[in-house]
Every structure is written in C-alpha cells, then in structure tokens.
C-alpha cells in the first residue's frame, strides 16, 4: 500500500519560514519524481516545485528564490523549505509521487499552510 504522509504545515507570520516533509512508503522512492502542489478553495491545484530522481528541480515563478525542494532517498522523504512566506502562499500543500515509466502517481492527504499576521 502506497502512503505519502505530509507534515510541517501550520500558521506563520508573513516573512516567516516553514519546512514541509513528505514521507513515502510502498514505492521505490528513488525512481519517482516528487512534487509539491498547493490548492486554495475554488481554484485549481498548482505545481509549486518538483524534483526528479536525479535531483533536477523546477519551481513555479512565484516561489523562485524563496522555496527549495530537496529529497533524501535514504529516508524516502521529500522536503519543501519555504522562506519569506507571503499571505498568497496560504493553501493546502500536497505531496505527489510520479513514476515517469508507468505514469502512475500518488497523492498525500495535504497539510495546511496559513500565512497571516
């Protein structure tokens, strides 16, 4: 059974930082492209950051220079370091695992990030 379990969300003031973690089980983690997406009510889920199996990263323009995605294949975990947070970053953040060979993907349950003073 595949599980992606996110943690690290919460309430933070503008300008603050959070680090999200996503621990995966039930997959051969090292071959998966891992991504962080976010969604606000009434809007489509958007890709925030993605990291391939060989550590190539890409980011949505709005988070470039503020967010950093990384992975630890030994721990089957992907991270999202979020700095200089803005109210517009408020959303539910979801972890995604995508297999480029089978085209199967899996989602975590989401973690709420709220940026507010």
PDB file of N, CA and C in Angstrom:
ATOM      1  N   UNK A   1       0.851  -1.197   0.000  1.00  0.00           N
ATOM      2  CA  UNK A   1       0.000   0.000   0.000  1.00  0.00           C
ATOM      3  C   UNK A   1       0.886   1.246   0.000  1.00  0.00           C
ATOM      4  N   UNK A   2       0.586   2.155  -0.925  1.00  0.00           N
ATOM      5  CA  UNK A   2       1.366   3.377  -1.048  1.00  0.00           C
ATOM      6  C   UNK A   2       0.822   4.426  -0.082  1.00  0.00           C
ATOM      7  N   UNK A   3       1.736   5.049   0.623  1.00  0.00           N
ATOM      8  CA  UNK A   3       1.352   6.147   1.511  1.00  0.00           C
ATOM      9  C   UNK A   3       2.321   7.303   1.361  1.00  0.00           C
ATOM     10  N   UNK A   4       1.772   8.501   1.279  1.00  0.00           N
ATOM     11  CA  UNK A   4       2.544   9.737   1.325  1.00  0.00           C
ATOM     12  C   UNK A   4       1.991  10.536   2.494  1.00  0.00           C
ATOM     13  N   UNK A   5       2.840  10.815   3.459  1.00  0.00           N
ATOM     14  CA  UNK A   5       2.381  11.487   4.672  1.00  0.00           C
ATOM     15  C   UNK A   5       3.121  12.812   4.821  1.00  0.00           C
ATOM     16  N   UNK A   6       2.356  13.902   4.675  1.00  0.00           N
ATOM     17  CA  UNK A   6       2.936  15.239   4.807  1.00  0.00           C
ATOM     18  C   UNK A   6       2.906  15.691   6.263  1.00  0.00           C
ATOM     19  N   UNK A   7       3.849  16.539   6.601  1.00  0.00           N
ATOM     20  CA  UNK A   7       3.881  17.165   7.916  1.00  0.00           C
ATOM     21  C   UNK A   7       4.604  18.503   7.801  1.00  0.00           C
ATOM     22  N   UNK A   8       4.453  19.318   8.835  1.00  0.00           N
ATOM     23  CA  UNK A   8       5.187  20.572   8.889  1.00  0.00           C
ATOM     24  C   UNK A   8       4.386  21.818   8.595  1.00  0.00           C
ATOM     25  N   UNK A   9       3.127  21.661   8.228  1.00  0.00           N
ATOM     26  CA  UNK A   9       2.304  22.836   7.979  1.00  0.00           C
ATOM     27  C   UNK A   9       1.939  23.544   9.269  1.00  0.00           C
ATOM     28  N   UNK A  10       1.304  24.698   9.121  1.00  0.00           N
ATOM     29  CA  UNK A  10       0.889  25.450  10.304  1.00  0.00           C
ATOM     30  C   UNK A  10       0.653  26.899   9.986  1.00  0.00           C
ATOM     31  N   UNK A  11       0.572  27.672  11.039  1.00  0.00           N
ATOM     32  CA  UNK A  11       0.349  29.117  10.950  1.00  0.00           C
ATOM     33  C   UNK A  11       1.673  29.836  11.146  1.00  0.00           C
ATOM     34  N   UNK A  12       1.971  30.760  10.251  1.00  0.00           N
ATOM     35  CA  UNK A  12       3.219  31.510  10.334  1.00  0.00           C
ATOM     36  C   UNK A  12       2.959  32.950   9.915  1.00  0.00           C
ATOM     37  N   UNK A  13       3.713  33.868  10.471  1.00  0.00           N
ATOM     38  CA  UNK A  13       3.564  35.273  10.103  1.00  0.00           C
ATOM     39  C   UNK A  13       4.235  35.550   8.769  1.00  0.00           C
ATOM     40  N   UNK A  14       3.788  36.578   8.071  1.00  0.00           N
ATOM     41  CA  UNK A  14       4.474  36.965   6.823  1.00  0.00           C
ATOM     42  C   UNK A  14       5.961  37.195   7.072  1.00  0.00           C
ATOM     43  N   UNK A  15       6.764  36.689   6.127  1.00  0.00           N
ATOM     44  CA  UNK A  15       8.211  36.771   6.280  1.00  0.00           C
ATOM     45  C   UNK A  15       8.814  35.589   6.994  1.00  0.00           C
ATOM     46  N   UNK A  16       7.993  34.747   7.563  1.00  0.00           N
ATOM     47  CA  UNK A  16       8.482  33.590   8.299  1.00  0.00           C
ATOM     48  C   UNK A  16       8.808  32.405   7.401  1.00  0.00           C
ATOM     49  N   UNK A  17       9.178  31.301   8.055  1.00  0.00           N
ATOM     50  CA  UNK A  17       9.599  30.104   7.333  1.00  0.00           C
ATOM     51  C   UNK A  17       8.890  28.869   7.877  1.00  0.00           C
ATOM     52  N   UNK A  18       8.740  27.892   7.001  1.00  0.00           N
ATOM     53  CA  UNK A  18       8.257  26.575   7.371  1.00  0.00           C
ATOM     54  C   UNK A  18       8.997  25.553   6.522  1.00  0.00           C
ATOM     55  N   UNK A  19       9.116  24.348   7.044  1.00  0.00           N
ATOM     56  CA  UNK A  19       9.642  23.245   6.242  1.00  0.00           C
ATOM     57  C   UNK A  19       8.632  22.116   6.236  1.00  0.00           C
ATOM     58  N   UNK A  20       8.171  21.782   5.044  1.00  0.00           N
ATOM     59  CA  UNK A  20       7.261  20.661   4.881  1.00  0.00           C
ATOM     60  C   UNK A  20       8.056  19.400   4.596  1.00  0.00           C
ATOM     61  N   UNK A  21       7.548  18.295   5.099  1.00  0.00           N
ATOM     62  CA  UNK A  21       8.142  16.987   4.839  1.00  0.00           C
ATOM     63  C   UNK A  21       7.083  16.051   4.285  1.00  0.00           C
ATOM     64  N   UNK A  22       7.505  15.140   3.457  1.00  0.00           N
ATOM     65  CA  UNK A  22       6.599  14.118   2.919  1.00  0.00           C
ATOM     66  C   UNK A  22       7.342  12.795   2.962  1.00  0.00           C
ATOM     67  N   UNK A  23       6.875  11.898   3.808  1.00  0.00           N
ATOM     68  CA  UNK A  23       7.482  10.578   3.944  1.00  0.00           C
ATOM     69  C   UNK A  23       6.690   9.573   3.120  1.00  0.00           C
ATOM     70  N   UNK A  24       7.380   8.865   2.251  1.00  0.00           N
ATOM     71  CA  UNK A  24       6.737   7.910   1.351  1.00  0.00           C
ATOM     72  C   UNK A  24       7.014   6.483   1.779  1.00  0.00           C
ATOM     73  N   UNK A  25       6.034   5.629   1.546  1.00  0.00           N
ATOM     74  CA  UNK A  25       6.211   4.193   1.764  1.00  0.00           C
ATOM     75  C   UNK A  25       5.425   3.444   0.699  1.00  0.00           C
ATOM     76  N   UNK A  26       5.866   2.223   0.417  1.00  0.00           N
ATOM     77  CA  UNK A  26       5.154   1.404  -0.556  1.00  0.00           C
ATOM     78  C   UNK A  26       5.552   1.637  -1.996  1.00  0.00           C
ATOM     79  N   UNK A  27       6.549   2.499  -2.226  1.00  0.00           N
ATOM     80  CA  UNK A  27       7.050   2.748  -3.580  1.00  0.00           C
ATOM     81  C   UNK A  27       8.570   2.695  -3.571  1.00  0.00           C
ATOM     82  N   UNK A  28       9.133   2.470  -4.762  1.00  0.00           N
ATOM     83  CA  UNK A  28      10.578   2.567  -4.910  1.00  0.00           C
ATOM     84  C   UNK A  28      10.902   4.046  -5.068  1.00  0.00           C
ATOM     85  N   UNK A  29      11.054   4.698  -3.938  1.00  0.00           N
ATOM     86  CA  UNK A  29      11.093   6.161  -3.868  1.00  0.00           C
ATOM     87  C   UNK A  29      12.114   6.760  -4.829  1.00  0.00           C
ATOM     88  N   UNK A  30      13.268   6.148  -4.934  1.00  0.00           N
ATOM     89  CA  UNK A  30      14.377   6.763  -5.661  1.00  0.00           C
ATOM     90  C   UNK A  30      14.098   6.972  -7.143  1.00  0.00           C
ATOM     91  N   UNK A  31      13.137   6.267  -7.711  1.00  0.00           N
ATOM     92  CA  UNK A  31      12.878   6.412  -9.148  1.00  0.00           C
ATOM     93  C   UNK A  31      11.742   7.390  -9.438  1.00  0.00           C
ATOM     94  N   UNK A  32      11.106   7.885  -8.385  1.00  0.00           N
ATOM     95  CA  UNK A  32       9.943   8.756  -8.564  1.00  0.00           C
ATOM     96  C   UNK A  32      10.347  10.219  -8.642  1.00  0.00           C
ATOM     97  N   UNK A  33       9.683  10.948  -9.523  1.00  0.00           N
ATOM     98  CA  UNK A  33       9.705  12.405  -9.471  1.00  0.00           C
ATOM     99  C   UNK A  33       8.746  12.831  -8.362  1.00  0.00           C
ATOM    100  N   UNK A  34       9.248  13.651  -7.465  1.00  0.00           N
ATOM    101  CA  UNK A  34       8.451  14.101  -6.322  1.00  0.00           C
ATOM    102  C   UNK A  34       8.091  15.571  -6.492  1.00  0.00           C
ATOM    103  N   UNK A  35       6.873  15.878  -6.142  1.00  0.00           N
ATOM    104  CA  UNK A  35       6.425  17.255  -6.300  1.00  0.00           C
ATOM    105  C   UNK A  35       5.616  17.746  -5.122  1.00  0.00           C
ATOM    106  N   UNK A  36       5.590  19.045  -4.972  1.00  0.00           N
ATOM    107  CA  UNK A  36       4.714  19.724  -4.030  1.00  0.00           C
ATOM    108  C   UNK A  36       3.737  20.583  -4.834  1.00  0.00           C
ATOM    109  N   UNK A  37       2.466  20.414  -4.545  1.00  0.00           N
ATOM    110  CA  UNK A  37       1.407  21.195  -5.157  1.00  0.00           C
ATOM    111  C   UNK A  37       0.667  21.929  -4.040  1.00  0.00           C
ATOM    112  N   UNK A  38      -0.095  22.943  -4.444  1.00  0.00           N
ATOM    113  CA  UNK A  38      -0.926  23.637  -3.461  1.00  0.00           C
ATOM    114  C   UNK A  38      -2.268  23.992  -4.079  1.00  0.00           C
ATOM    115  N   UNK A  39      -3.238  24.141  -3.199  1.00  0.00           N
ATOM    116  CA  UNK A  39      -4.592  24.442  -3.654  1.00  0.00           C
ATOM    117  C   UNK A  39      -5.305  25.313  -2.634  1.00  0.00           C
ATOM    118  N   UNK A  40      -5.979  26.336  -3.147  1.00  0.00           N
ATOM    119  CA  UNK A  40      -6.851  27.149  -2.319  1.00  0.00           C
ATOM    120  C   UNK A  40      -8.284  26.876  -2.748  1.00  0.00           C
ATOM    121  N   UNK A  41      -9.244  27.075  -1.855  1.00  0.00           N
ATOM    122  CA  UNK A  41     -10.644  26.784  -2.201  1.00  0.00           C
ATOM    123  C   UNK A  41     -11.084  27.532  -3.451  1.00  0.00           C
ATOM    124  N   UNK A  42     -11.723  26.807  -4.355  1.00  0.00           N
ATOM    125  CA  UNK A  42     -12.256  27.420  -5.563  1.00  0.00           C
ATOM    126  C   UNK A  42     -11.266  27.552  -6.699  1.00  0.00           C
ATOM    127  N   UNK A  43     -10.030  27.115  -6.457  1.00  0.00           N
ATOM    128  CA  UNK A  43      -9.027  27.216  -7.500  1.00  0.00           C
ATOM    129  C   UNK A  43      -8.428  25.845  -7.809  1.00  0.00           C
ATOM    130  N   UNK A  44      -7.784  25.768  -8.967  1.00  0.00           N
ATOM    131  CA  UNK A  44      -7.148  24.507  -9.345  1.00  0.00           C
ATOM    132  C   UNK A  44      -5.872  24.298  -8.540  1.00  0.00           C
ATOM    133  N   UNK A  45      -5.548  23.031  -8.379  1.00  0.00           N
ATOM    134  CA  UNK A  45      -4.287  22.688  -7.725  1.00  0.00           C
ATOM    135  C   UNK A  45      -3.143  23.088  -8.660  1.00  0.00           C
ATOM    136  N   UNK A  46      -2.117  23.722  -8.098  1.00  0.00           N
ATOM    137  CA  UNK A  46      -0.996  24.156  -8.925  1.00  0.00           C
ATOM    138  C   UNK A  46       0.311  23.532  -8.436  1.00  0.00           C
ATOM    139  N   UNK A  47       1.187  23.273  -9.401  1.00  0.00           N
ATOM    140  CA  UNK A  47       2.517  22.772  -9.064  1.00  0.00           C
ATOM    141  C   UNK A  47       3.339  23.895  -8.445  1.00  0.00           C
ATOM    142  N   UNK A  48       3.950  23.618  -7.312  1.00  0.00           N
ATOM    143  CA  UNK A  48       4.821  24.585  -6.648  1.00  0.00           C
ATOM    144  C   UNK A  48       6.277  24.288  -6.975  1.00  0.00           C
ATOM    145  N   UNK A  49       6.671  23.029  -6.804  1.00  0.00           N
ATOM    146  CA  UNK A  49       8.056  22.639  -7.028  1.00  0.00           C
ATOM    147  C   UNK A  49       8.101  21.150  -7.306  1.00  0.00           C
ATOM    148  N   UNK A  50       9.139  20.751  -8.045  1.00  0.00           N
ATOM    149  CA  UNK A  50       9.265  19.351  -8.418  1.00  0.00           C
ATOM    150  C   UNK A  50      10.738  18.987  -8.439  1.00  0.00           C
ATOM    151  N   UNK A  51      11.047  17.757  -8.089  1.00  0.00           N
ATOM    152  CA  UNK A  51      12.426  17.279  -8.130  1.00  0.00           C
ATOM    153  C   UNK A  51      12.441  15.883  -8.739  1.00  0.00           C
ATOM    154  N   UNK A  52      13.280  15.699  -9.738  1.00  0.00           N
ATOM    155  CA  UNK A  52      13.338  14.418 -10.412  1.00  0.00           C
ATOM    156  C   UNK A  52      14.213  13.426  -9.636  1.00  0.00           C
ATOM    157  N   UNK A  53      14.280  12.217 -10.146  1.00  0.00           N
ATOM    158  CA  UNK A  53      15.076  11.187  -9.488  1.00  0.00           C
ATOM    159  C   UNK A  53      16.560  11.528  -9.491  1.00  0.00           C
ATOM    160  N   UNK A  54      16.995  12.348 -10.444  1.00  0.00           N
ATOM    161  CA  UNK A  54      18.400  12.770 -10.448  1.00  0.00           C
ATOM    162  C   UNK A  54      18.553  14.219  -9.998  1.00  0.00           C
ATOM    163  N   UNK A  55      17.590  14.652  -9.191  1.00  0.00           N
ATOM    164  CA  UNK A  55      17.678  15.917  -8.450  1.00  0.00           C
ATOM    165  C   UNK A  55      17.591  17.174  -9.302  1.00  0.00           C
ATOM    166  N   UNK A  56      17.017  17.071 -10.468  1.00  0.00           N
ATOM    167  CA  UNK A  56      16.722  18.274 -11.242  1.00  0.00           C
ATOM    168  C   UNK A  56      15.451  18.893 -10.683  1.00  0.00           C
ATOM    169  N   UNK A  57      15.507  20.194 -10.443  1.00  0.00           N
ATOM    170  CA  UNK A  57      14.377  20.870  -9.806  1.00  0.00           C
ATOM    171  C   UNK A  57      13.762  21.916 -10.725  1.00  0.00           C
ATOM    172  N   UNK A  58      12.499  22.173 -10.498  1.00  0.00           N
ATOM    173  CA  UNK A  58      11.868  23.333 -11.126  1.00  0.00           C
ATOM    174  C   UNK A  58      10.792  23.875 -10.190  1.00  0.00           C
ATOM    175  N   UNK A  59      10.509  25.164 -10.353  1.00  0.00           N
ATOM    176  CA  UNK A  59       9.624  25.884  -9.449  1.00  0.00           C
ATOM    177  C   UNK A  59       8.661  26.764 -10.237  1.00  0.00           C
ATOM    178  N   UNK A  60       7.508  26.981  -9.646  1.00  0.00           N
ATOM    179  CA  UNK A  60       6.621  27.995 -10.196  1.00  0.00           C
ATOM    180  C   UNK A  60       7.264  29.355  -9.952  1.00  0.00           C
ATOM    181  N   UNK A  61       7.067  30.295 -10.860  1.00  0.00           N
ATOM    182  CA  UNK A  61       7.764  31.575 -10.785  1.00  0.00           C
ATOM    183  C   UNK A  61       7.534  32.292  -9.453  1.00  0.00           C
ATOM    184  N   UNK A  62       6.354  32.155  -8.896  1.00  0.00           N
ATOM    185  CA  UNK A  62       6.011  32.926  -7.697  1.00  0.00           C
ATOM    186  C   UNK A  62       6.793  32.511  -6.455  1.00  0.00           C
ATOM    187  N   UNK A  63       7.450  31.355  -6.487  1.00  0.00           N
ATOM    188  CA  UNK A  63       8.200  30.901  -5.312  1.00  0.00           C
ATOM    189  C   UNK A  63       9.703  30.837  -5.554  1.00  0.00           C
ATOM    190  N   UNK A  64      10.139  31.128  -6.762  1.00  0.00           N
ATOM    191  CA  UNK A  64      11.574  31.062  -7.067  1.00  0.00           C
ATOM    192  C   UNK A  64      12.352  32.011  -6.159  1.00  0.00           C
ATOM    193  N   UNK A  65      13.442  31.501  -5.606  1.00  0.00           N
ATOM    194  CA  UNK A  65      14.262  32.292  -4.699  1.00  0.00           C
ATOM    195  C   UNK A  65      13.787  32.257  -3.262  1.00  0.00           C
ATOM    196  N   UNK A  66      12.607  31.718  -3.010  1.00  0.00           N
ATOM    197  CA  UNK A  66      12.074  31.653  -1.644  1.00  0.00           C
ATOM    198  C   UNK A  66      11.920  30.213  -1.159  1.00  0.00           C
ATOM    199  N   UNK A  67      11.534  29.312  -2.071  1.00  0.00           N
ATOM    200  CA  UNK A  67      11.289  27.919  -1.705  1.00  0.00           C
ATOM    201  C   UNK A  67      12.403  27.039  -2.274  1.00  0.00           C
ATOM    202  N   UNK A  68      12.710  25.976  -1.554  1.00  0.00           N
ATOM    203  CA  UNK A  68      13.698  24.996  -2.016  1.00  0.00           C
ATOM    204  C   UNK A  68      13.157  23.589  -1.785  1.00  0.00           C
ATOM    205  N   UNK A  69      13.127  22.812  -2.849  1.00  0.00           N
ATOM    206  CA  UNK A  69      12.722  21.414  -2.734  1.00  0.00           C
ATOM    207  C   UNK A  69      13.980  20.552  -2.686  1.00  0.00           C
ATOM    208  N   UNK A  70      13.936  19.517  -1.869  1.00  0.00           N
ATOM    209  CA  UNK A  70      15.059  18.589  -1.772  1.00  0.00           C
ATOM    210  C   UNK A  70      14.524  17.201  -1.447  1.00  0.00           C
ATOM    211  N   UNK A  71      15.379  16.215  -1.602  1.00  0.00           N
ATOM    212  CA  UNK A  71      14.956  14.845  -1.318  1.00  0.00           C
ATOM    213  C   UNK A  71      16.078  14.092  -0.626  1.00  0.00           C
ATOM    214  N   UNK A  72      15.687  13.129   0.192  1.00  0.00           N
ATOM    215  CA  UNK A  72      16.622  12.232   0.855  1.00  0.00           C
ATOM    216  C   UNK A  72      16.155  10.816   0.536  1.00  0.00           C
ATOM    217  N   UNK A  73      16.779  10.197  -0.443  1.00  0.00           N
ATOM    218  CA  UNK A  73      16.333   8.881  -0.885  1.00  0.00           C
ATOM    219  C   UNK A  73      16.557   7.817   0.191  1.00  0.00           C
ATOM    220  N   UNK A  74      17.524   8.031   1.054  1.00  0.00           N
ATOM    221  CA  UNK A  74      17.758   7.074   2.137  1.00  0.00           C
ATOM    222  C   UNK A  74      16.612   7.070   3.144  1.00  0.00           C
ATOM    223  N   UNK A  75      15.905   8.200   3.251  1.00  0.00           N
ATOM    224  CA  UNK A  75      14.787   8.318   4.184  1.00  0.00           C
ATOM    225  C   UNK A  75      13.441   8.296   3.481  1.00  0.00           C
ATOM    226  N   UNK A  76      13.448   8.122   2.153  1.00  0.00           N
ATOM    227  CA  UNK A  76      12.194   8.142   1.385  1.00  0.00           C
ATOM    228  C   UNK A  76      11.375   9.394   1.681  1.00  0.00           C
ATOM    229  N   UNK A  77      12.041  10.513   1.730  1.00  0.00           N
ATOM    230  CA  UNK A  77      11.395  11.753   2.141  1.00  0.00           C
ATOM    231  C   UNK A  77      11.764  12.895   1.201  1.00  0.00           C
ATOM    232  N   UNK A  78      10.774  13.725   0.917  1.00  0.00           N
ATOM    233  CA  UNK A  78      10.984  14.953   0.155  1.00  0.00           C
ATOM    234  C   UNK A  78      10.603  16.124   1.043  1.00  0.00           C
ATOM    235  N   UNK A  79      11.328  17.215   0.893  1.00  0.00           N
ATOM    236  CA  UNK A  79      11.139  18.394   1.729  1.00  0.00           C
ATOM    237  C   UNK A  79      10.820  19.611   0.867  1.00  0.00           C
ATOM    238  N   UNK A  80      10.158  20.561   1.487  1.00  0.00           N
ATOM    239  CA  UNK A  80       9.967  21.860   0.871  1.00  0.00           C
ATOM    240  C   UNK A  80      10.278  22.913   1.928  1.00  0.00           C
ATOM    241  N   UNK A  81      11.415  23.567   1.768  1.00  0.00           N
ATOM    242  CA  UNK A  81      11.789  24.666   2.653  1.00  0.00           C
ATOM    243  C   UNK A  81      11.180  25.939   2.093  1.00  0.00           C
ATOM    244  N   UNK A  82      10.360  26.585   2.895  1.00  0.00           N
ATOM    245  CA  UNK A  82       9.651  27.786   2.456  1.00  0.00           C
ATOM    246  C   UNK A  82      10.102  28.954   3.311  1.00  0.00           C
ATOM    247  N   UNK A  83      10.723  29.927   2.687  1.00  0.00           N
ATOM    248  CA  UNK A  83      11.196  31.138   3.364  1.00  0.00           C
ATOM    249  C   UNK A  83      10.468  32.354   2.827  1.00  0.00           C
ATOM    250  N   UNK A  84      10.568  33.435   3.563  1.00  0.00           N
ATOM    251  CA  UNK A  84       9.944  34.703   3.156  1.00  0.00           C
ATOM    252  C   UNK A  84       8.489  34.488   2.746  1.00  0.00           C
ATOM    253  N   UNK A  85       7.767  33.797   3.577  1.00  0.00           N
ATOM    254  CA  UNK A  85       6.390  33.446   3.243  1.00  0.00           C
ATOM    255  C   UNK A  85       5.504  34.672   3.152  1.00  0.00           C
ATOM    256  N   UNK A  86       4.545  34.585   2.228  1.00  0.00           N
ATOM    257  CA  UNK A  86       3.603  35.671   1.977  1.00  0.00           C
ATOM    258  C   UNK A  86       2.180  35.162   2.197  1.00  0.00           C
ATOM    259  N   UNK A  87       1.248  36.068   2.462  1.00  0.00           N
ATOM    260  CA  UNK A  87      -0.152  35.622   2.598  1.00  0.00           C
ATOM    261  C   UNK A  87      -0.654  34.842   1.383  1.00  0.00           C
ATOM    262  N   UNK A  88      -0.162  35.180   0.198  1.00  0.00           N
ATOM    263  CA  UNK A  88      -0.577  34.471  -1.022  1.00  0.00           C
ATOM    264  C   UNK A  88      -0.095  33.022  -1.049  1.00  0.00           C
ATOM    265  N   UNK A  89       0.816  32.653  -0.164  1.00  0.00           N
ATOM    266  CA  UNK A  89       1.267  31.259  -0.086  1.00  0.00           C
ATOM    267  C   UNK A  89       0.297  30.390   0.720  1.00  0.00           C
ATOM    268  N   UNK A  90      -0.694  31.015   1.326  1.00  0.00           N
ATOM    269  CA  UNK A  90      -1.674  30.261   2.102  1.00  0.00           C
ATOM    270  C   UNK A  90      -2.423  29.279   1.210  1.00  0.00           C
ATOM    271  N   UNK A  91      -2.406  28.020   1.591  1.00  0.00           N
ATOM    272  CA  UNK A  91      -3.041  26.970   0.791  1.00  0.00           C
ATOM    273  C   UNK A  91      -2.891  25.637   1.526  1.00  0.00           C
ATOM    274  N   UNK A  92      -3.562  24.630   1.004  1.00  0.00           N
ATOM    275  CA  UNK A  92      -3.265  23.260   1.399  1.00  0.00           C
ATOM    276  C   UNK A  92      -2.177  22.750   0.460  1.00  0.00           C
ATOM    277  N   UNK A  93      -1.107  22.242   1.030  1.00  0.00           N
ATOM    278  CA  UNK A  93       0.022  21.748   0.255  1.00  0.00           C
ATOM    279  C   UNK A  93      -0.024  20.223   0.194  1.00  0.00           C
ATOM    280  N   UNK A  94       0.115  19.709  -1.018  1.00  0.00           N
ATOM    281  CA  UNK A  94       0.031  18.279  -1.256  1.00  0.00           C
ATOM    282  C   UNK A  94       1.348  17.747  -1.820  1.00  0.00           C
ATOM    283  N   UNK A  95       1.712  16.591  -1.360  1.00  0.00           N
ATOM    284  CA  UNK A  95       2.867  15.870  -1.884  1.00  0.00           C
ATOM    285  C   UNK A  95       2.410  14.935  -3.000  1.00  0.00           C
ATOM    286  N   UNK A  96       3.209  14.840  -4.049  1.00  0.00           N
ATOM    287  CA  UNK A  96       2.890  13.970  -5.182  1.00  0.00           C
ATOM    288  C   UNK A  96       4.114  13.141  -5.551  1.00  0.00           C
ATOM    289  N   UNK A  97       3.858  11.888  -5.877  1.00  0.00           N
ATOM    290  CA  UNK A  97       4.909  10.992  -6.371  1.00  0.00           C
ATOM    291  C   UNK A  97       4.510  10.514  -7.753  1.00  0.00           C
ATOM    292  N   UNK A  98       5.383  10.723  -8.736  1.00  0.00           N
ATOM    293  CA  UNK A  98       5.069  10.393 -10.127  1.00  0.00           C
ATOM    294  C   UNK A  98       6.136   9.482 -10.704  1.00  0.00           C
ATOM    295  N   UNK A  99       5.667   8.366 -11.261  1.00  0.00           N
ATOM    296  CA  UNK A  99       6.557   7.402 -11.903  1.00  0.00           C
ATOM    297  C   UNK A  99       6.567   7.682 -13.400  1.00  0.00           C
ATOM    298  N   UNK A 100       7.712   8.125 -13.926  1.00  0.00           N
ATOM    299  CA  UNK A 100       7.769   8.520 -15.331  1.00  0.00           C
ATOM    300  C   UNK A 100       7.694   7.317 -16.268  1.00  0.00           C
ATOM    301  N   UNK A 101       7.894   6.126 -15.760  1.00  0.00           N
ATOM    302  CA  UNK A 101       7.853   4.921 -16.597  1.00  0.00           C
ATOM    303  C   UNK A 101       6.436   4.376 -16.700  1.00  0.00           C
ATOM    304  N   UNK A 102       5.751   4.261 -15.566  1.00  0.00           N
ATOM    305  CA  UNK A 102       4.389   3.717 -15.568  1.00  0.00           C
ATOM    306  C   UNK A 102       3.323   4.799 -15.678  1.00  0.00           C
ATOM    307  N   UNK A 103       3.738   6.061 -15.448  1.00  0.00           N
ATOM    308  CA  UNK A 103       2.835   7.222 -15.448  1.00  0.00           C
ATOM    309  C   UNK A 103       1.812   7.163 -14.314  1.00  0.00           C
ATOM    310  N   UNK A 104       2.074   6.345 -13.326  1.00  0.00           N
ATOM    311  CA  UNK A 104       1.205   6.337 -12.163  1.00  0.00           C
ATOM    312  C   UNK A 104       1.646   7.431 -11.198  1.00  0.00           C
ATOM    313  N   UNK A 105       0.684   8.006 -10.523  1.00  0.00           N
ATOM    314  CA  UNK A 105       1.062   8.948  -9.490  1.00  0.00           C
ATOM    315  C   UNK A 105       0.201   8.770  -8.248  1.00  0.00           C
ATOM    316  N   UNK A 106       0.721   9.281  -7.165  1.00  0.00           N
ATOM    317  CA  UNK A 106       0.099   9.141  -5.853  1.00  0.00           C
ATOM    318  C   UNK A 106       0.121  10.493  -5.140  1.00  0.00           C
ATOM    319  N   UNK A 107      -0.877  10.671  -4.254  1.00  0.00           N
ATOM    320  CA  UNK A 107      -1.015  11.939  -3.529  1.00  0.00           C
ATOM    321  C   UNK A 107      -1.067  11.708  -2.032  1.00  0.00           C
ATOM    322  N   UNK A 108      -0.534  12.678  -1.307  1.00  0.00           N
ATOM    323  CA  UNK A 108      -0.716  12.701   0.125  1.00  0.00           C
ATOM    324  C   UNK A 108      -2.048  13.337   0.478  1.00  0.00           C
ATOM    325  N   UNK A 109      -2.303  13.428   1.779  1.00  0.00           N
ATOM    326  CA  UNK A 109      -3.596  13.935   2.239  1.00  0.00           C
ATOM    327  C   UNK A 109      -3.627  15.450   2.347  1.00  0.00           C
ATOM    328  N   UNK A 110      -2.476  16.079   2.283  1.00  0.00           N
ATOM    329  CA  UNK A 110      -2.393  17.533   2.332  1.00  0.00           C
ATOM    330  C   UNK A 110      -2.089  18.057   3.723  1.00  0.00           C
ATOM    331  N   UNK A 111      -1.432  19.209   3.759  1.00  0.00           N
ATOM    332  CA  UNK A 111      -1.156  19.888   5.020  1.00  0.00           C
ATOM    333  C   UNK A 111      -1.413  21.378   4.825  1.00  0.00           C
ATOM    334  N   UNK A 112      -2.089  21.976   5.794  1.00  0.00           N
ATOM    335  CA  UNK A 112      -2.493  23.381   5.668  1.00  0.00           C
ATOM    336  C   UNK A 112      -1.333  24.291   6.034  1.00  0.00           C
ATOM    337  N   UNK A 113      -1.092  25.271   5.171  1.00  0.00           N
ATOM    338  CA  UNK A 113      -0.141  26.347   5.459  1.00  0.00           C
ATOM    339  C   UNK A 113      -0.916  27.661   5.432  1.00  0.00           C
ATOM    340  N   UNK A 114      -0.847  28.390   6.536  1.00  0.00           N
ATOM    341  CA  UNK A 114      -1.534  29.670   6.640  1.00  0.00           C
ATOM    342  C   UNK A 114      -0.510  30.736   6.993  1.00  0.00           C
ATOM    343  N   UNK A 115      -0.454  31.764   6.155  1.00  0.00           N
ATOM    344  CA  UNK A 115       0.466  32.878   6.384  1.00  0.00           C
ATOM    345  C   UNK A 115      -0.377  34.109   6.710  1.00  0.00           C
ATOM    346  N   UNK A 116      -0.298  34.517   7.944  1.00  0.00           N
ATOM    347  CA  UNK A 116      -1.153  35.617   8.406  1.00  0.00           C
ATOM    348  C   UNK A 116      -0.553  36.244   9.642  1.00  0.00           C
ATOM    349  N   UNK A 117      -0.788  37.550   9.769  1.00  0.00           N
ATOM    350  CA  UNK A 117      -0.349  38.244  10.972  1.00  0.00           C
ATOM    351  C   UNK A 117      -1.472  38.294  12.003  1.00  0.00           C
TER     352      UNK A 117
END
